[in-house]
C-alpha atoms as a PDB file:
ATOM      1  CA  MET A   1      49.594 -61.284 -78.803  1.00  0.00           C
ATOM      2  CA  ALA A   2      46.829 -59.078 -78.127  1.00  0.00           C
ATOM      3  CA  GLU A   3      47.199 -55.523 -78.038  1.00  0.00           C
ATOM      4  CA  PRO A   4      46.918 -53.841 -74.579  1.00  0.00           C
ATOM      5  CA  SER A   5      44.062 -51.432 -74.369  1.00  0.00           C
ATOM      6  CA  PHE A   6      43.631 -48.723 -71.846  1.00  0.00           C
ATOM      7  CA  ILE A   7      40.013 -48.543 -72.460  1.00  0.00           C
ATOM      8  CA  PRO A   8      38.083 -51.164 -70.540  1.00  0.00           C
ATOM      9  CA  LYS A   9      35.747 -53.326 -72.552  1.00  0.00           C
ATOM     10  CA  SER A  10      33.152 -53.340 -69.856  1.00  0.00           C
ATOM     11  CA  LEU A  11      32.315 -50.952 -67.032  1.00  0.00           C
ATOM     12  CA  PRO A  12      32.942 -52.414 -63.667  1.00  0.00           C
ATOM     13  CA  GLN A  13      29.658 -53.158 -61.776  1.00  0.00           C
ATOM     14  CA  ARG A  14      30.638 -50.836 -59.049  1.00  0.00           C
ATOM     15  CA  LEU A  15      31.002 -47.883 -61.112  1.00  0.00           C
ATOM     16  CA  ALA A  16      28.014 -48.746 -63.174  1.00  0.00           C
ATOM     17  CA  GLN A  17      25.635 -48.255 -60.317  1.00  0.00           C
ATOM     18  CA  ALA A  18      24.476 -44.732 -59.664  1.00  0.00           C
ATOM     19  CA  ARG A  19      25.138 -43.475 -56.132  1.00  0.00           C
ATOM     20  CA  GLU A  20      22.205 -43.063 -53.762  1.00  0.00           C
ATOM     21  CA  PRO A  21      21.624 -39.550 -52.457  1.00  0.00           C
ATOM     22  CA  LEU A  22      22.175 -39.042 -48.810  1.00  0.00           C
ATOM     23  CA  GLY A  23      19.552 -40.784 -46.606  1.00  0.00           C
ATOM     24  CA  THR A  24      16.960 -38.625 -44.982  1.00  0.00           C
ATOM     25  CA  PHE A  25      17.998 -39.871 -41.555  1.00  0.00           C
ATOM     26  CA  LEU A  26      21.542 -39.079 -42.110  1.00  0.00           C
ATOM     27  CA  PHE A  27      20.710 -35.558 -43.282  1.00  0.00           C
ATOM     28  CA  LEU A  28      18.520 -34.918 -40.221  1.00  0.00           C
ATOM     29  CA  GLY A  29      21.100 -36.445 -37.901  1.00  0.00           C
ATOM     30  CA  VAL A  30      23.779 -33.891 -39.455  1.00  0.00           C
ATOM     31  CA  LEU A  31      21.262 -31.135 -39.145  1.00  0.00           C
ATOM     32  CA  VAL A  32      20.432 -31.760 -35.529  1.00  0.00           C
ATOM     33  CA  PHE A  33      24.219 -32.156 -34.747  1.00  0.00           C
ATOM     34  CA  VAL A  34      24.865 -28.703 -36.382  1.00  0.00           C
ATOM     35  CA  ILE A  35      21.952 -27.079 -34.489  1.00  0.00           C
ATOM     36  CA  SER A  36      23.273 -28.487 -31.283  1.00  0.00           C
ATOM     37  CA  LEU A  37      26.689 -27.187 -31.869  1.00  0.00           C
ATOM     38  CA  LEU A  38      25.348 -23.684 -32.655  1.00  0.00           C
ATOM     39  CA  ALA A  39      23.065 -23.773 -29.611  1.00  0.00           C
ATOM     40  CA  LEU A  40      26.188 -25.052 -27.403  1.00  0.00           C
ATOM     41  CA  GLY A  41      28.165 -22.079 -28.847  1.00  0.00           C
ATOM     42  CA  GLY A  42      25.231 -19.655 -28.128  1.00  0.00           C
ATOM     43  CA  LEU A  43      24.897 -20.864 -24.576  1.00  0.00           C
ATOM     44  CA  PHE A  44      28.544 -20.608 -23.945  1.00  0.00           C
ATOM     45  CA  PHE A  45      28.665 -16.939 -25.069  1.00  0.00           C
ATOM     46  CA  TYR A  46      25.330 -16.203 -23.122  1.00  0.00           C
ATOM     47  CA  GLU A  47      26.822 -17.753 -19.974  1.00  0.00           C
ATOM     48  CA  ARG A  48      29.864 -15.364 -20.406  1.00  0.00           C
ATOM     49  CA  LEU A  49      27.591 -12.541 -20.897  1.00  0.00           C
ATOM     50  CA  LEU A  50      25.695 -13.235 -17.606  1.00  0.00           C
ATOM     51  CA  SER A  51      28.843 -13.729 -15.605  1.00  0.00           C
ATOM     52  CA  SER A  52      30.184 -10.353 -16.719  1.00  0.00           C
ATOM     53  CA  GLN A  53      26.835  -8.665 -15.890  1.00  0.00           C
ATOM     54  CA  ILE A  54      26.846 -10.396 -12.362  1.00  0.00           C
ATOM     55  CA  THR A  55      30.402  -9.283 -11.855  1.00  0.00           C
ATOM     56  CA  ASP A  56      29.573  -5.609 -12.851  1.00  0.00           C
ATOM     57  CA  LEU A  57      26.502  -5.629 -10.577  1.00  0.00           C
ATOM     58  CA  VAL A  58      28.574  -6.996  -7.580  1.00  0.00           C
ATOM     59  CA  LYS A  59      31.099  -4.184  -8.024  1.00  0.00           C
ATOM     60  CA  SER A  60      28.415  -1.688  -8.197  1.00  0.00           C
ATOM     61  CA  LEU A  61      26.762  -2.990  -5.084  1.00  0.00           C
ATOM     62  CA  GLU A  62      30.035  -2.896  -3.287  1.00  0.00           C
ATOM     63  CA  ARG A  63      30.621   0.689  -4.361  1.00  0.00           C
ATOM     64  CA  LEU A  64      27.014   1.539  -3.120  1.00  0.00           C
ATOM     65  CA  LYS A  65      27.737  -0.273   0.170  1.00  0.00           C
ATOM     66  CA  ALA A  66      30.832   1.587   0.585  1.00  0.00           C
ATOM     67  CA  ASP A  67      29.141   5.018  -0.047  1.00  0.00           C
ATOM     68  CA  PHE A  68      26.893   4.335   2.951  1.00  0.00           C
ATOM     69  CA  ASP A  69      28.106   5.274   6.197  1.00  0.00           C
ATOM     70  CA  ALA A  70      27.077   3.217   9.356  1.00  0.00           C
ATOM     71  CA  ASP A  71      26.600   6.350  11.322  1.00  0.00           C
ATOM     72  CA  SER A  72      24.367   7.932   8.657  1.00  0.00           C
ATOM     73  CA  ILE A  73      22.218   4.735   8.577  1.00  0.00           C
ATOM     74  CA  ASN A  74      21.993   4.663  12.443  1.00  0.00           C
ATOM     75  CA  GLU A  75      20.912   8.383  12.361  1.00  0.00           C
ATOM     76  CA  LEU A  76      18.332   7.793   9.720  1.00  0.00           C
ATOM     77  CA  ALA A  77      16.977   4.845  11.760  1.00  0.00           C
ATOM     78  CA  ARG A  78      16.753   7.112  14.861  1.00  0.00           C
ATOM     79  CA  VAL A  79      15.026   9.873  12.881  1.00  0.00           C
ATOM     80  CA  SER A  80      12.530   7.332  11.484  1.00  0.00           C
ATOM     81  CA  GLU A  81      11.729   5.933  14.893  1.00  0.00           C
ATOM     82  CA  SER A  82      11.158   9.584  16.236  1.00  0.00           C
ATOM     83  CA  ILE A  83       8.896  10.298  13.251  1.00  0.00           C
ATOM     84  CA  GLN A  84       6.785   7.218  13.899  1.00  0.00           C
ATOM     85  CA  THR A  85       6.454   8.166  17.549  1.00  0.00           C
ATOM     86  CA  ALA A  86       5.332  11.729  16.664  1.00  0.00           C
ATOM     87  CA  GLN A  87       2.721  10.245  14.190  1.00  0.00           C
ATOM     88  CA  GLU A  88       1.397   8.057  17.055  1.00  0.00           C
ATOM     89  CA  VAL A  89       1.149  11.097  19.350  1.00  0.00           C
ATOM     90  CA  LEU A  90      -0.480  13.221  16.711  1.00  0.00           C
ATOM     91  CA  PHE A  91      -2.954  10.548  15.655  1.00  0.00           C
ATOM     92  CA  SER A  92      -3.936   9.888  19.214  1.00  0.00           C
ATOM     93  CA  HIS A  93      -4.333  13.637  20.023  1.00  0.00           C
ATOM     94  CA  ARG A  94      -7.847  14.821  20.843  1.00  0.00           C
ATOM     95  CA  ARG A  95      -8.993  17.997  19.245  1.00  0.00           C
ATOM     96  CA  VAL A  96     -11.501  19.383  21.594  1.00  0.00           C
ATOM     97  CA  SER A  97     -11.784  22.442  19.515  1.00  0.00           C
ATOM     98  CA  ASN A  98     -13.832  20.465  17.142  1.00  0.00           C
ATOM     99  CA  VAL A  99     -16.400  19.891  19.845  1.00  0.00           C
ATOM    100  CA  PHE A 100     -16.514  23.480  20.540  1.00  0.00           C
ATOM    101  CA  MET A 101     -17.063  24.244  16.774  1.00  0.00           C
ATOM    102  CA  LEU A 102     -19.932  21.629  16.670  1.00  0.00           C
ATOM    103  CA  LEU A 103     -21.526  23.225  19.800  1.00  0.00           C
ATOM    104  CA  GLU A 104     -21.234  26.735  18.172  1.00  0.00           C
ATOM    105  CA  SER A 105     -22.782  25.643  14.925  1.00  0.00           C
ATOM    106  CA  SER A 106     -25.604  23.605  16.359  1.00  0.00           C
ATOM    107  CA  THR A 107     -26.713  25.570  19.507  1.00  0.00           C
ATOM    108  CA  LEU A 108     -29.969  27.360  19.156  1.00  0.00           C
ATOM    109  CA  PRO A 109     -30.302  30.884  20.540  1.00  0.00           C
ATOM    110  CA  GLU A 110     -32.958  29.791  22.948  1.00  0.00           C
ATOM    111  CA  VAL A 111     -30.527  27.318  24.685  1.00  0.00           C
ATOM    112  CA  ARG A 112     -27.492  28.148  26.708  1.00  0.00           C
ATOM    113  CA  PHE A 113     -25.008  25.863  28.550  1.00  0.00           C
ATOM    114  CA  SER A 114     -23.547  26.766  31.856  1.00  0.00           C
ATOM    115  CA  LYS A 115     -21.319  23.704  32.803  1.00  0.00           C
ATOM    116  CA  PHE A 116     -19.000  21.744  30.649  1.00  0.00           C
ATOM    117  CA  SER A 117     -17.411  18.452  31.427  1.00  0.00           C
ATOM    118  CA  PHE A 118     -15.458  16.472  28.753  1.00  0.00           C
ATOM    119  CA  ASP A 119     -14.190  12.935  29.309  1.00  0.00           C
ATOM    120  CA  ALA A 120     -11.578  12.293  26.541  1.00  0.00           C
ATOM    121  CA  ALA A 121     -11.231   8.614  27.177  1.00  0.00           C
ATOM    122  CA  SER A 122     -14.961   7.946  26.248  1.00  0.00           C
ATOM    123  CA  ASN A 123     -15.506  10.976  24.042  1.00  0.00           C
ATOM    124  CA  GLN A 124     -18.316  11.991  26.138  1.00  0.00           C
ATOM    125  CA  LEU A 125     -19.443  15.585  27.063  1.00  0.00           C
ATOM    126  CA  THR A 126     -21.811  16.546  29.863  1.00  0.00           C
ATOM    127  CA  LEU A 127     -23.422  19.933  29.799  1.00  0.00           C
ATOM    128  CA  ALA A 128     -25.672  21.672  32.192  1.00  0.00           C
ATOM    129  CA  ALA A 129     -28.232  23.572  29.912  1.00  0.00           C
ATOM    130  CA  GLU A 130     -31.233  25.902  30.028  1.00  0.00           C
ATOM    131  CA  ALA A 131     -33.700  26.132  27.456  1.00  0.00           C
ATOM    132  CA  LYS A 132     -36.501  28.904  27.143  1.00  0.00           C
ATOM    133  CA  SER A 133     -39.181  26.353  26.591  1.00  0.00           C
ATOM    134  CA  TYR A 134     -39.762  22.508  26.180  1.00  0.00           C
ATOM    135  CA  THR A 135     -40.084  23.222  22.395  1.00  0.00           C
ATOM    136  CA  ALA A 136     -36.578  24.746  22.265  1.00  0.00           C
ATOM    137  CA  LEU A 137     -35.285  21.762  24.098  1.00  0.00           C
ATOM    138  CA  ALA A 138     -36.959  19.299  21.740  1.00  0.00           C
ATOM    139  CA  HIS A 139     -35.644  21.262  18.806  1.00  0.00           C
ATOM    140  CA  GLN A 140     -31.985  21.277  20.443  1.00  0.00           C
ATOM    141  CA  THR A 141     -32.126  17.576  21.035  1.00  0.00           C
ATOM    142  CA  GLU A 142     -33.149  16.836  17.475  1.00  0.00           C
ATOM    143  CA  ILE A 143     -30.210  18.923  16.224  1.00  0.00           C
ATOM    144  CA  PHE A 144     -27.777  16.934  18.271  1.00  0.00           C
ATOM    145  CA  LYS A 145     -29.282  13.558  17.142  1.00  0.00           C
ATOM    146  CA  LYS A 146     -29.086  14.496  13.442  1.00  0.00           C
ATOM    147  CA  SER A 147     -25.403  15.742  13.822  1.00  0.00           C
ATOM    148  CA  SER A 148     -22.853  13.455  12.243  1.00  0.00           C
ATOM    149  CA  GLY A 149     -20.359  14.242  14.931  1.00  0.00           C
ATOM    150  CA  VAL A 150     -22.595  13.054  17.622  1.00  0.00           C
ATOM    151  CA  SER A 151     -23.209   9.217  18.062  1.00  0.00           C
ATOM    152  CA  LYS A 152     -25.503   9.250  21.388  1.00  0.00           C
ATOM    153  CA  THR A 153     -27.535  11.988  22.970  1.00  0.00           C
ATOM    154  CA  SER A 154     -29.209  11.484  26.387  1.00  0.00           C
ATOM    155  CA  LEU A 155     -31.071  14.060  28.690  1.00  0.00           C
ATOM    156  CA  SER A 156     -31.594  14.044  32.348  1.00  0.00           C
ATOM    157  CA  SER A 157     -32.230  16.201  35.390  1.00  0.00           C
ATOM    158  CA  PHE A 158     -35.154  18.224  34.149  1.00  0.00           C
ATOM    159  CA  SER A 159     -36.497  21.219  36.290  1.00  0.00           C
ATOM    160  CA  LEU A 160     -38.474  24.326  35.639  1.00  0.00           C
ATOM    161  CA  THR A 161     -36.733  27.760  36.159  1.00  0.00           C
ATOM    162  CA  PRO A 162     -38.650  30.569  37.806  1.00  0.00           C
ATOM    163  CA  ALA A 163     -38.785  32.386  34.437  1.00  0.00           C
ATOM    164  CA  GLY A 164     -40.568  29.415  32.867  1.00  0.00           C
ATOM    165  CA  GLY A 165     -37.537  27.891  31.225  1.00  0.00           C
ATOM    166  CA  VAL A 166     -36.203  24.296  31.546  1.00  0.00           C
ATOM    167  CA  ASP A 167     -32.824  23.409  33.305  1.00  0.00           C
ATOM    168  CA  TYR A 168     -31.568  19.981  32.191  1.00  0.00           C
ATOM    169  CA  GLU A 169     -28.302  17.972  31.599  1.00  0.00           C
ATOM    170  CA  VAL A 170     -27.387  16.585  28.254  1.00  0.00           C
ATOM    171  CA  ASP A 171     -24.813  13.929  27.713  1.00  0.00           C
ATOM    172  CA  LEU A 172     -23.220  13.782  24.185  1.00  0.00           C
ATOM    173  CA  THR A 173     -21.142  11.000  23.029  1.00  0.00           C
ATOM    174  CA  PHE A 174     -19.010  11.868  19.952  1.00  0.00           C
ATOM    175  CA  ASN A 175     -17.859   9.796  17.084  1.00  0.00           C
ATOM    176  CA  PRO A 176     -14.067   9.360  17.430  1.00  0.00           C
ATOM    177  CA  ALA A 177     -13.494  10.868  13.970  1.00  0.00           C
ATOM    178  CA  LEU A 178     -14.798  14.320  15.390  1.00  0.00           C
ATOM    179  CA  VAL A 179     -12.189  14.547  18.256  1.00  0.00           C
ATOM    180  CA  LEU A 180      -9.015  12.690  16.832  1.00  0.00           C
ATOM    181  CA  ALA A 181      -6.688  14.758  14.807  1.00  0.00           C
ATOM    182  CA  ARG A 182      -6.269  13.109  11.466  1.00  0.00           C
END
């Protein structure tokens, strides 16, 4: 009988073949799977973080809402409305003092005014005036025309005075910026 041997005489073919390394597609598949699992875990924790932040913000908003008193809010709204009304009144208020300052600064010594009529709706001033001469009248008219506060100047009702002067009426229309308080 033949002696039994524990060492094989030939290698089985299965064992003789070298193992192939993992395939590229298998490696990429496993890599994508691992990355997907990591992304899923990250998104899960991010969602938890956002939920806790939303909860904290809602609680904070509720505390702020509780701090505000409805009576205080109504009072603030009433005061705001009063301030807006006061601003409207102030901005539509006419400052005739600016007209007087303009007349004071631009009137020649040879000219005097005797009647004053101001129409606030049209920003128009009618003055009865007396100039010592036609030259003074012409100079005064030029000063009014060059003034930035006057938009229109017109003269009428000319007559000679016994002293040799000129009586006339002058109509001045002012720019709204001159008479409105701003």
